[in-house]
Amino acid sequence: ACTEPGDLIVDPFFGTGTTGAVAKLLGRHFIGIEREEKY
């Protein structure tokens, strides 16, 4: 709804990476920030 291919999405609470996975699928870029190594 709100981005175009090639846009950069930043997720400061990345968790297990849903934002990154969908960004990759849709041809967007991402930067995820997560403090827990296990996630």
Full PDB file with SEQRES, HELIX, SHEET, SSBOND, CRYST1, ORIGX, SCALE, CONECT and MASTER records, all heavy atoms in Angstrom:
SEQRES   1 A   39  ALA CYS THR GLU PRO GLY ASP LEU ILE VAL ASP PRO PHE          
SEQRES   2 A   39  PHE GLY THR GLY THR THR GLY ALA VAL ALA LYS LEU LEU          
SEQRES   3 A   39  GLY ARG HIS PHE ILE GLY ILE GLU ARG GLU GLU LYS TYR          
HELIX    1 AA1 THR A   18  LEU A   25  1                                   8    
SHEET    1 AA1 2 LEU A   8  ASP A  11  0                                        
SHEET    2 AA1 2 HIS A  29  GLY A  32  1                                        
CRYST1    1.000    1.000    1.000  90.00  90.00  90.00 P 1           1          
ORIGX1      1.000000  0.000000  0.000000        0.00000                         
ORIGX2      0.000000  1.000000  0.000000        0.00000                         
ORIGX3      0.000000  0.000000  1.000000        0.00000                         
SCALE1      1.000000  0.000000  0.000000        0.00000                         
SCALE2      0.000000  1.000000  0.000000        0.00000                         
SCALE3      0.000000  0.000000  1.000000        0.00000                         
ATOM      1  N   ALA A   1       0.806  -1.213   0.000  1.00  0.00           N  
ATOM      2  CA  ALA A   1       0.000   0.000   0.000  1.00  0.00           C  
ATOM      3  C   ALA A   1       0.841   1.266   0.000  1.00  0.00           C  
ATOM      4  O   ALA A   1       0.459   2.263  -0.624  1.00  0.00           O  
ATOM      5  CB  ALA A   1      -0.928   0.007   1.214  1.00  0.00           C  
ATOM      6  N   CYS A   2       1.982   1.238   0.668  1.00  0.00           N  
ATOM      7  CA  CYS A   2       2.675   2.497   0.972  1.00  0.00           C  
ATOM      8  C   CYS A   2       4.117   2.577   0.493  1.00  0.00           C  
ATOM      9  O   CYS A   2       4.825   3.535   0.845  1.00  0.00           O  
ATOM     10  CB  CYS A   2       2.641   2.741   2.475  1.00  0.00           C  
ATOM     11  SG  CYS A   2       0.971   2.906   3.107  1.00  0.00           S  
ATOM     12  N   THR A   3       4.593   1.613  -0.266  1.00  0.00           N  
ATOM     13  CA  THR A   3       5.959   1.673  -0.779  1.00  0.00           C  
ATOM     14  C   THR A   3       5.993   1.269  -2.244  1.00  0.00           C  
ATOM     15  O   THR A   3       5.030   0.722  -2.779  1.00  0.00           O  
ATOM     16  CB  THR A   3       6.912   0.756   0.017  1.00  0.00           C  
ATOM     17  OG1 THR A   3       6.506  -0.623  -0.161  1.00  0.00           O  
ATOM     18  CG2 THR A   3       6.916   1.098   1.497  1.00  0.00           C  
ATOM     19  N   GLU A   4       7.127   1.529  -2.874  1.00  0.00           N  
ATOM     20  CA  GLU A   4       7.375   1.128  -4.257  1.00  0.00           C  
ATOM     21  C   GLU A   4       8.593   0.217  -4.295  1.00  0.00           C  
ATOM     22  O   GLU A   4       9.417   0.226  -3.361  1.00  0.00           O  
ATOM     23  CB  GLU A   4       7.645   2.362  -5.129  1.00  0.00           C  
ATOM     24  CG  GLU A   4       6.532   3.400  -5.129  1.00  0.00           C  
ATOM     25  CD  GLU A   4       5.288   2.925  -5.864  1.00  0.00           C  
ATOM     26  OE1 GLU A   4       5.384   1.922  -6.605  1.00  0.00           O  
ATOM     27  OE2 GLU A   4       4.230   3.553  -5.695  1.00  0.00           O  
ATOM     28  N   PRO A   5       8.742  -0.591  -5.355  1.00  0.00           N  
ATOM     29  CA  PRO A   5       9.956  -1.398  -5.483  1.00  0.00           C  
ATOM     30  C   PRO A   5      11.203  -0.527  -5.376  1.00  0.00           C  
ATOM     31  O   PRO A   5      11.265   0.561  -5.949  1.00  0.00           O  
ATOM     32  CB  PRO A   5       9.816  -2.018  -6.880  1.00  0.00           C  
ATOM     33  CG  PRO A   5       8.334  -2.088  -7.103  1.00  0.00           C  
ATOM     34  CD  PRO A   5       7.779  -0.847  -6.454  1.00  0.00           C  
ATOM     35  N   GLY A   6      12.167  -0.992  -4.612  1.00  0.00           N  
ATOM     36  CA  GLY A   6      13.399  -0.245  -4.411  1.00  0.00           C  
ATOM     37  C   GLY A   6      13.397   0.639  -3.179  1.00  0.00           C  
ATOM     38  O   GLY A   6      14.446   1.128  -2.756  1.00  0.00           O  
ATOM     39  N   ASP A   7      12.218   0.870  -2.572  1.00  0.00           N  
ATOM     40  CA  ASP A   7      12.144   1.688  -1.356  1.00  0.00           C  
ATOM     41  C   ASP A   7      12.839   0.985  -0.193  1.00  0.00           C  
ATOM     42  O   ASP A   7      12.957  -0.252  -0.166  1.00  0.00           O  
ATOM     43  CB  ASP A   7      10.684   1.962  -0.977  1.00  0.00           C  
ATOM     44  CG  ASP A   7      10.060   3.079  -1.796  1.00  0.00           C  
ATOM     45  OD1 ASP A   7      10.778   3.662  -2.635  1.00  0.00           O  
ATOM     46  OD2 ASP A   7       8.858   3.361  -1.612  1.00  0.00           O  
ATOM     47  N   LEU A   8      13.255   1.787   0.780  1.00  0.00           N  
ATOM     48  CA  LEU A   8      13.915   1.263   1.975  1.00  0.00           C  
ATOM     49  C   LEU A   8      12.962   1.337   3.165  1.00  0.00           C  
ATOM     50  O   LEU A   8      12.466   2.408   3.505  1.00  0.00           O  
ATOM     51  CB  LEU A   8      15.185   2.052   2.288  1.00  0.00           C  
ATOM     52  CG  LEU A   8      15.898   1.688   3.602  1.00  0.00           C  
ATOM     53  CD1 LEU A   8      16.384   0.238   3.576  1.00  0.00           C  
ATOM     54  CD2 LEU A   8      17.066   2.640   3.861  1.00  0.00           C  
ATOM     55  N   ILE A   9      12.728   0.198   3.785  1.00  0.00           N  
ATOM     56  CA  ILE A   9      11.901   0.111   4.988  1.00  0.00           C  
ATOM     57  C   ILE A   9      12.796  -0.203   6.170  1.00  0.00           C  
ATOM     58  O   ILE A   9      13.600  -1.139   6.119  1.00  0.00           O  
ATOM     59  CB  ILE A   9      10.820  -0.982   4.854  1.00  0.00           C  
ATOM     60  CG1 ILE A   9       9.869  -0.665   3.692  1.00  0.00           C  
ATOM     61  CG2 ILE A   9      10.023  -1.126   6.148  1.00  0.00           C  
ATOM     62  CD1 ILE A   9      10.157  -1.397   2.424  1.00  0.00           C  
ATOM     63  N   VAL A  10      12.670   0.575   7.231  1.00  0.00           N  
ATOM     64  CA  VAL A  10      13.421   0.331   8.457  1.00  0.00           C  
ATOM     65  C   VAL A  10      12.452  -0.186   9.518  1.00  0.00           C  
ATOM     66  O   VAL A  10      11.407   0.421   9.760  1.00  0.00           O  
ATOM     67  CB  VAL A  10      14.126   1.605   8.961  1.00  0.00           C  
ATOM     68  CG1 VAL A  10      14.793   1.348  10.315  1.00  0.00           C  
ATOM     69  CG2 VAL A  10      15.170   2.066   7.947  1.00  0.00           C  
ATOM     70  N   ASP A  11      12.807  -1.305  10.128  1.00  0.00           N  
ATOM     71  CA  ASP A  11      12.007  -1.890  11.201  1.00  0.00           C  
ATOM     72  C   ASP A  11      12.869  -1.930  12.457  1.00  0.00           C  
ATOM     73  O   ASP A  11      13.784  -2.741  12.567  1.00  0.00           O  
ATOM     74  CB  ASP A  11      11.569  -3.307  10.815  1.00  0.00           C  
ATOM     75  CG  ASP A  11      10.639  -3.935  11.851  1.00  0.00           C  
ATOM     76  OD1 ASP A  11      10.690  -3.515  13.021  1.00  0.00           O  
ATOM     77  OD2 ASP A  11       9.878  -4.851  11.493  1.00  0.00           O  
ATOM     78  N   PRO A  12      12.600  -1.046  13.432  1.00  0.00           N  
ATOM     79  CA  PRO A  12      13.445  -0.972  14.619  1.00  0.00           C  
ATOM     80  C   PRO A  12      13.198  -2.066  15.644  1.00  0.00           C  
ATOM     81  O   PRO A  12      13.963  -2.194  16.613  1.00  0.00           O  
ATOM     82  CB  PRO A  12      13.095   0.405  15.206  1.00  0.00           C  
ATOM     83  CG  PRO A  12      11.709   0.677  14.731  1.00  0.00           C  
ATOM     84  CD  PRO A  12      11.593   0.019  13.392  1.00  0.00           C  
ATOM     85  N   PHE A  13      12.139  -2.846  15.462  1.00  0.00           N  
ATOM     86  CA  PHE A  13      11.833  -3.962  16.365  1.00  0.00           C  
ATOM     87  C   PHE A  13      11.626  -5.202  15.490  1.00  0.00           C  
ATOM     88  O   PHE A  13      10.519  -5.712  15.354  1.00  0.00           O  
ATOM     89  CB  PHE A  13      10.590  -3.643  17.194  1.00  0.00           C  
ATOM     90  CG  PHE A  13      10.679  -2.322  17.919  1.00  0.00           C  
ATOM     91  CD1 PHE A  13      10.082  -1.178  17.388  1.00  0.00           C  
ATOM     92  CD2 PHE A  13      11.350  -2.216  19.122  1.00  0.00           C  
ATOM     93  CE1 PHE A  13      10.160   0.047  18.043  1.00  0.00           C  
ATOM     94  CE2 PHE A  13      11.441  -0.998  19.793  1.00  0.00           C  
ATOM     95  CZ  PHE A  13      10.845   0.131  19.253  1.00  0.00           C  
ATOM     96  N   PHE A  14      12.710  -5.688  14.907  1.00  0.00           N  
ATOM     97  CA  PHE A  14      12.661  -6.622  13.784  1.00  0.00           C  
ATOM     98  C   PHE A  14      12.139  -8.003  14.165  1.00  0.00           C  
ATOM     99  O   PHE A  14      11.536  -8.679  13.334  1.00  0.00           O  
ATOM    100  CB  PHE A  14      14.068  -6.739  13.202  1.00  0.00           C  
ATOM    101  CG  PHE A  14      14.115  -7.206  11.770  1.00  0.00           C  
ATOM    102  CD1 PHE A  14      13.430  -6.535  10.784  1.00  0.00           C  
ATOM    103  CD2 PHE A  14      14.879  -8.310  11.410  1.00  0.00           C  
ATOM    104  CE1 PHE A  14      13.492  -6.947   9.457  1.00  0.00           C  
ATOM    105  CE2 PHE A  14      14.952  -8.733  10.090  1.00  0.00           C  
ATOM    106  CZ  PHE A  14      14.246  -8.048   9.111  1.00  0.00           C  
ATOM    107  N   GLY A  15      12.394  -8.445  15.389  1.00  0.00           N  
ATOM    108  CA  GLY A  15      11.926  -9.763  15.791  1.00  0.00           C  
ATOM    109  C   GLY A  15      12.436 -10.850  14.872  1.00  0.00           C  
ATOM    110  O   GLY A  15      13.630 -10.919  14.563  1.00  0.00           O  
ATOM    111  N   THR A  16      11.526 -11.699  14.393  1.00  0.00           N  
ATOM    112  CA  THR A  16      11.912 -12.811  13.518  1.00  0.00           C  
ATOM    113  C   THR A  16      11.863 -12.447  12.043  1.00  0.00           C  
ATOM    114  O   THR A  16      11.904 -13.318  11.180  1.00  0.00           O  
ATOM    115  CB  THR A  16      11.013 -14.036  13.785  1.00  0.00           C  
ATOM    116  OG1 THR A  16       9.636 -13.638  13.703  1.00  0.00           O  
ATOM    117  CG2 THR A  16      11.279 -14.612  15.161  1.00  0.00           C  
ATOM    118  N   GLY A  17      11.740 -11.149  11.734  1.00  0.00           N  
ATOM    119  CA  GLY A  17      11.996 -10.700  10.366  1.00  0.00           C  
ATOM    120  C   GLY A  17      10.860 -10.719   9.382  1.00  0.00           C  
ATOM    121  O   GLY A  17      11.095 -10.784   8.173  1.00  0.00           O  
ATOM    122  N   THR A  18       9.610 -10.629   9.845  1.00  0.00           N  
ATOM    123  CA  THR A  18       8.497 -10.615   8.897  1.00  0.00           C  
ATOM    124  C   THR A  18       8.616  -9.456   7.912  1.00  0.00           C  
ATOM    125  O   THR A  18       8.400  -9.621   6.710  1.00  0.00           O  
ATOM    126  CB  THR A  18       7.150 -10.535   9.641  1.00  0.00           C  
ATOM    127  OG1 THR A  18       7.037 -11.644  10.534  1.00  0.00           O  
ATOM    128  CG2 THR A  18       5.989 -10.578   8.659  1.00  0.00           C  
ATOM    129  N   THR A  19       8.976  -8.282   8.420  1.00  0.00           N  
ATOM    130  CA  THR A  19       9.117  -7.120   7.536  1.00  0.00           C  
ATOM    131  C   THR A  19      10.173  -7.363   6.467  1.00  0.00           C  
ATOM    132  O   THR A  19       9.969  -7.061   5.286  1.00  0.00           O  
ATOM    133  CB  THR A  19       9.487  -5.864   8.353  1.00  0.00           C  
ATOM    134  OG1 THR A  19       8.461  -5.625   9.323  1.00  0.00           O  
ATOM    135  CG2 THR A  19       9.628  -4.648   7.453  1.00  0.00           C  
ATOM    136  N   GLY A  20      11.306  -7.914   6.852  1.00  0.00           N  
ATOM    137  CA  GLY A  20      12.376  -8.180   5.896  1.00  0.00           C  
ATOM    138  C   GLY A  20      11.994  -9.226   4.871  1.00  0.00           C  
ATOM    139  O   GLY A  20      12.325  -9.101   3.684  1.00  0.00           O  
ATOM    140  N   ALA A  21      11.296 -10.262   5.314  1.00  0.00           N  
ATOM    141  CA  ALA A  21      10.884 -11.326   4.400  1.00  0.00           C  
ATOM    142  C   ALA A  21       9.928 -10.790   3.340  1.00  0.00           C  
ATOM    143  O   ALA A  21      10.075 -11.062   2.151  1.00  0.00           O  
ATOM    144  CB  ALA A  21      10.229 -12.465   5.186  1.00  0.00           C  
ATOM    145  N   VAL A  22       8.934 -10.001   3.769  1.00  0.00           N  
ATOM    146  CA  VAL A  22       7.964  -9.458   2.814  1.00  0.00           C  
ATOM    147  C   VAL A  22       8.612  -8.408   1.918  1.00  0.00           C  
ATOM    148  O   VAL A  22       8.316  -8.324   0.724  1.00  0.00           O  
ATOM    149  CB  VAL A  22       6.747  -8.882   3.557  1.00  0.00           C  
ATOM    150  CG1 VAL A  22       5.780  -8.224   2.585  1.00  0.00           C  
ATOM    151  CG2 VAL A  22       6.035  -9.986   4.334  1.00  0.00           C  
ATOM    152  N   ALA A  23       9.512  -7.616   2.491  1.00  0.00           N  
ATOM    153  CA  ALA A  23      10.220  -6.623   1.678  1.00  0.00           C  
ATOM    154  C   ALA A  23      11.005  -7.310   0.563  1.00  0.00           C  
ATOM    155  O   ALA A  23      10.983  -6.870  -0.591  1.00  0.00           O  
ATOM    156  CB  ALA A  23      11.162  -5.804   2.559  1.00  0.00           C  
ATOM    157  N   LYS A  24      11.694  -8.373   0.898  1.00  0.00           N  
ATOM    158  CA  LYS A  24      12.460  -9.110  -0.105  1.00  0.00           C  
ATOM    159  C   LYS A  24      11.538  -9.684  -1.179  1.00  0.00           C  
ATOM    160  O   LYS A  24      11.833  -9.616  -2.375  1.00  0.00           O  
ATOM    161  CB  LYS A  24      13.258 -10.230   0.567  1.00  0.00           C  
ATOM    162  CG  LYS A  24      14.133 -11.028  -0.389  1.00  0.00           C  
ATOM    163  CD  LYS A  24      14.941 -12.081   0.372  1.00  0.00           C  
ATOM    164  CE  LYS A  24      15.811 -12.906  -0.589  1.00  0.00           C  
ATOM    165  NZ  LYS A  24      16.604 -13.933   0.145  1.00  0.00           N  
ATOM    166  N   LEU A  25      10.407 -10.228  -0.760  1.00  0.00           N  
ATOM    167  CA  LEU A  25       9.448 -10.803  -1.699  1.00  0.00           C  
ATOM    168  C   LEU A  25       8.938  -9.759  -2.685  1.00  0.00           C  
ATOM    169  O   LEU A  25       8.776 -10.028  -3.881  1.00  0.00           O  
ATOM    170  CB  LEU A  25       8.273 -11.408  -0.924  1.00  0.00           C  
ATOM    171  CG  LEU A  25       7.096 -11.924  -1.750  1.00  0.00           C  
ATOM    172  CD1 LEU A  25       7.516 -13.156  -2.554  1.00  0.00           C  
ATOM    173  CD2 LEU A  25       5.916 -12.254  -0.855  1.00  0.00           C  
ATOM    174  N   LEU A  26       8.709  -8.520  -2.189  1.00  0.00           N  
ATOM    175  CA  LEU A  26       8.115  -7.481  -3.019  1.00  0.00           C  
ATOM    176  C   LEU A  26       9.137  -6.573  -3.699  1.00  0.00           C  
ATOM    177  O   LEU A  26       8.772  -5.571  -4.310  1.00  0.00           O  
ATOM    178  CB  LEU A  26       7.169  -6.620  -2.166  1.00  0.00           C  
ATOM    179  CG  LEU A  26       5.881  -7.306  -1.699  1.00  0.00           C  
ATOM    180  CD1 LEU A  26       5.093  -6.387  -0.772  1.00  0.00           C  
ATOM    181  CD2 LEU A  26       5.027  -7.726  -2.889  1.00  0.00           C  
ATOM    182  N   GLY A  27      10.422  -6.903  -3.591  1.00  0.00           N  
ATOM    183  CA  GLY A  27      11.433  -6.105  -4.269  1.00  0.00           C  
ATOM    184  C   GLY A  27      11.753  -4.796  -3.579  1.00  0.00           C  
ATOM    185  O   GLY A  27      12.228  -3.846  -4.190  1.00  0.00           O  
ATOM    186  N   ARG A  28      11.492  -4.727  -2.266  1.00  0.00           N  
ATOM    187  CA  ARG A  28      11.877  -3.574  -1.466  1.00  0.00           C  
ATOM    188  C   ARG A  28      13.162  -3.898  -0.707  1.00  0.00           C  
ATOM    189  O   ARG A  28      13.560  -5.055  -0.608  1.00  0.00           O  
ATOM    190  CB  ARG A  28      10.786  -3.224  -0.450  1.00  0.00           C  
ATOM    191  CG  ARG A  28       9.630  -2.381  -0.987  1.00  0.00           C  
ATOM    192  CD  ARG A  28       8.727  -3.095  -1.938  1.00  0.00           C  
ATOM    193  NE  ARG A  28       7.476  -2.358  -2.147  1.00  0.00           N  
ATOM    194  CZ  ARG A  28       6.637  -2.594  -3.134  1.00  0.00           C  
ATOM    195  NH1 ARG A  28       6.906  -3.531  -4.044  1.00  0.00           N  
ATOM    196  NH2 ARG A  28       5.524  -1.889  -3.252  1.00  0.00           N  
ATOM    197  N   HIS A  29      13.794  -2.870  -0.154  1.00  0.00           N  
ATOM    198  CA  HIS A  29      14.976  -3.064   0.682  1.00  0.00           C  
ATOM    199  C   HIS A  29      14.587  -2.877   2.144  1.00  0.00           C  
ATOM    200  O   HIS A  29      13.588  -2.217   2.456  1.00  0.00           O  
ATOM    201  CB  HIS A  29      16.073  -2.066   0.301  1.00  0.00           C  
ATOM    202  CG  HIS A  29      16.580  -2.235  -1.096  1.00  0.00           C  
ATOM    203  ND1 HIS A  29      17.323  -3.329  -1.492  1.00  0.00           N  
ATOM    204  CD2 HIS A  29      16.440  -1.446  -2.202  1.00  0.00           C  
ATOM    205  CE1 HIS A  29      17.623  -3.212  -2.768  1.00  0.00           C  
ATOM    206  NE2 HIS A  29      17.097  -2.088  -3.229  1.00  0.00           N  
ATOM    207  N   PHE A  30      15.386  -3.424   3.031  1.00  0.00           N  
ATOM    208  CA  PHE A  30      15.064  -3.316   4.450  1.00  0.00           C  
ATOM    209  C   PHE A  30      16.330  -3.161   5.278  1.00  0.00           C  
ATOM    210  O   PHE A  30      17.428  -3.557   4.880  1.00  0.00           O  
ATOM    211  CB  PHE A  30      14.305  -4.564   4.928  1.00  0.00           C  
ATOM    212  CG  PHE A  30      15.153  -5.804   5.004  1.00  0.00           C  
ATOM    213  CD1 PHE A  30      15.834  -6.141   6.177  1.00  0.00           C  
ATOM    214  CD2 PHE A  30      15.297  -6.643   3.906  1.00  0.00           C  
ATOM    215  CE1 PHE A  30      16.635  -7.278   6.242  1.00  0.00           C  
ATOM    216  CE2 PHE A  30      16.090  -7.780   3.967  1.00  0.00           C  
ATOM    217  CZ  PHE A  30      16.762  -8.099   5.135  1.00  0.00           C  
ATOM    218  N   ILE A  31      16.150  -2.547   6.432  1.00  0.00           N  
ATOM    219  CA  ILE A  31      17.137  -2.585   7.510  1.00  0.00           C  
ATOM    220  C   ILE A  31      16.367  -2.961   8.762  1.00  0.00           C  
ATOM    221  O   ILE A  31      15.417  -2.268   9.154  1.00  0.00           O  
ATOM    222  CB  ILE A  31      17.844  -1.233   7.714  1.00  0.00           C  
ATOM    223  CG1 ILE A  31      18.697  -0.872   6.493  1.00  0.00           C  
ATOM    224  CG2 ILE A  31      18.719  -1.267   8.968  1.00  0.00           C  
ATOM    225  CD1 ILE A  31      19.356   0.499   6.583  1.00  0.00           C  
ATOM    226  N   GLY A  32      16.734  -4.073   9.353  1.00  0.00           N  
ATOM    227  CA  GLY A  32      16.085  -4.526  10.574  1.00  0.00           C  
ATOM    228  C   GLY A  32      17.004  -4.297  11.761  1.00  0.00           C  
ATOM    229  O   GLY A  32      18.218  -4.493  11.648  1.00  0.00           O  
ATOM    230  N   ILE A  33      16.431  -3.877  12.871  1.00  0.00           N  
ATOM    231  CA  ILE A  33      17.199  -3.664  14.094  1.00  0.00           C  
ATOM    232  C   ILE A  33      16.595  -4.543  15.182  1.00  0.00           C  
ATOM    233  O   ILE A  33      15.380  -4.497  15.426  1.00  0.00           O  
ATOM    234  CB  ILE A  33      17.171  -2.193  14.530  1.00  0.00           C  
ATOM    235  CG1 ILE A  33      17.651  -1.290  13.388  1.00  0.00           C  
ATOM    236  CG2 ILE A  33      18.010  -1.976  15.781  1.00  0.00           C  
ATOM    237  CD1 ILE A  33      17.398   0.194  13.629  1.00  0.00           C  
ATOM    238  N   GLU A  34      17.430  -5.352  15.803  1.00  0.00           N  
ATOM    239  CA  GLU A  34      16.942  -6.299  16.812  1.00  0.00           C  
ATOM    240  C   GLU A  34      18.021  -6.514  17.866  1.00  0.00           C  
ATOM    241  O   GLU A  34      19.172  -6.768  17.527  1.00  0.00           O  
ATOM    242  CB  GLU A  34      16.557  -7.629  16.151  1.00  0.00           C  
ATOM    243  CG  GLU A  34      16.131  -8.719  17.103  1.00  0.00           C  
ATOM    244  CD  GLU A  34      15.006  -8.296  18.035  1.00  0.00           C  
ATOM    245  OE1 GLU A  34      13.984  -7.792  17.537  1.00  0.00           O  
ATOM    246  OE2 GLU A  34      15.180  -8.450  19.255  1.00  0.00           O  
ATOM    247  N   ARG A  35      17.655  -6.433  19.127  1.00  0.00           N  
ATOM    248  CA  ARG A  35      18.650  -6.537  20.188  1.00  0.00           C  
ATOM    249  C   ARG A  35      18.852  -7.975  20.683  1.00  0.00           C  
ATOM    250  O   ARG A  35      19.845  -8.270  21.328  1.00  0.00           O  
ATOM    251  CB  ARG A  35      18.267  -5.652  21.371  1.00  0.00           C  
ATOM    252  CG  ARG A  35      17.132  -6.173  22.221  1.00  0.00           C  
ATOM    253  CD  ARG A  35      16.849  -5.247  23.389  1.00  0.00           C  
ATOM    254  NE  ARG A  35      16.116  -5.936  24.445  1.00  0.00           N  
ATOM    255  CZ  ARG A  35      15.735  -5.356  25.582  1.00  0.00           C  
ATOM    256  NH1 ARG A  35      16.027  -4.086  25.793  1.00  0.00           N  
ATOM    257  NH2 ARG A  35      15.078  -6.048  26.499  1.00  0.00           N  
ATOM    258  N   GLU A  36      17.899  -8.866  20.393  1.00  0.00           N  
ATOM    259  CA  GLU A  36      17.979 -10.253  20.883  1.00  0.00           C  
ATOM    260  C   GLU A  36      18.630 -11.141  19.824  1.00  0.00           C  
ATOM    261  O   GLU A  36      18.104 -11.319  18.736  1.00  0.00           O  
ATOM    262  CB  GLU A  36      16.588 -10.784  21.223  1.00  0.00           C  
ATOM    263  CG  GLU A  36      15.821  -9.959  22.248  1.00  0.00           C  
ATOM    264  CD  GLU A  36      16.417 -10.083  23.641  1.00  0.00           C  
ATOM    265  OE1 GLU A  36      17.062 -11.117  23.933  1.00  0.00           O  
ATOM    266  OE2 GLU A  36      16.221  -9.147  24.446  1.00  0.00           O  
ATOM    267  N   GLU A  37      19.772 -11.728  20.165  1.00  0.00           N  
ATOM    268  CA  GLU A  37      20.516 -12.552  19.216  1.00  0.00           C  
ATOM    269  C   GLU A  37      19.698 -13.745  18.730  1.00  0.00           C  
ATOM    270  O   GLU A  37      19.781 -14.131  17.557  1.00  0.00           O  
ATOM    271  CB  GLU A  37      21.825 -13.033  19.850  1.00  0.00           C  
ATOM    272  CG  GLU A  37      22.711 -13.824  18.904  1.00  0.00           C  
ATOM    273  CD  GLU A  37      24.023 -14.263  19.540  1.00  0.00           C  
ATOM    274  OE1 GLU A  37      24.186 -14.023  20.761  1.00  0.00           O  
ATOM    275  OE2 GLU A  37      24.852 -14.840  18.825  1.00  0.00           O  
ATOM    276  N   LYS A  38      18.892 -14.320  19.615  1.00  0.00           N  
ATOM    277  CA  LYS A  38      18.117 -15.511  19.225  1.00  0.00           C  
ATOM    278  C   LYS A  38      17.118 -15.177  18.105  1.00  0.00           C  
ATOM    279  O   LYS A  38      16.841 -16.009  17.232  1.00  0.00           O  
ATOM    280  CB  LYS A  38      17.390 -16.097  20.431  1.00  0.00           C  
ATOM    281  CG  LYS A  38      16.396 -15.163  21.095  1.00  0.00           C  
ATOM    282  CD  LYS A  38      15.742 -15.821  22.301  1.00  0.00           C  
ATOM    283  CE  LYS A  38      14.760 -14.870  22.993  1.00  0.00           C  
ATOM    284  NZ  LYS A  38      14.117 -15.514  24.167  1.00  0.00           N  
ATOM    285  N   TYR A  39      16.578 -13.965  18.112  1.00  0.00           N  
ATOM    286  CA  TYR A  39      15.651 -13.575  17.058  1.00  0.00           C  
ATOM    287  C   TYR A  39      16.399 -13.255  15.764  1.00  0.00           C  
ATOM    288  O   TYR A  39      15.913 -13.546  14.666  1.00  0.00           O  
ATOM    289  CB  TYR A  39      14.832 -12.356  17.484  1.00  0.00           C  
ATOM    290  CG  TYR A  39      13.963 -12.582  18.695  1.00  0.00           C  
ATOM    291  CD1 TYR A  39      13.640 -11.533  19.550  1.00  0.00           C  
ATOM    292  CD2 TYR A  39      13.450 -13.841  19.005  1.00  0.00           C  
ATOM    293  CE1 TYR A  39      12.837 -11.722  20.669  1.00  0.00           C  
ATOM    294  CE2 TYR A  39      12.647 -14.045  20.117  1.00  0.00           C  
ATOM    295  CZ  TYR A  39      12.350 -12.974  20.951  1.00  0.00           C  
ATOM    296  OH  TYR A  39      11.555 -13.161  22.055  1.00  0.00           O  
TER     297      TYR A  39                                                      
MASTER        0    0    0    1    2    0    0    6  296    1    0    3          
END                                                                             
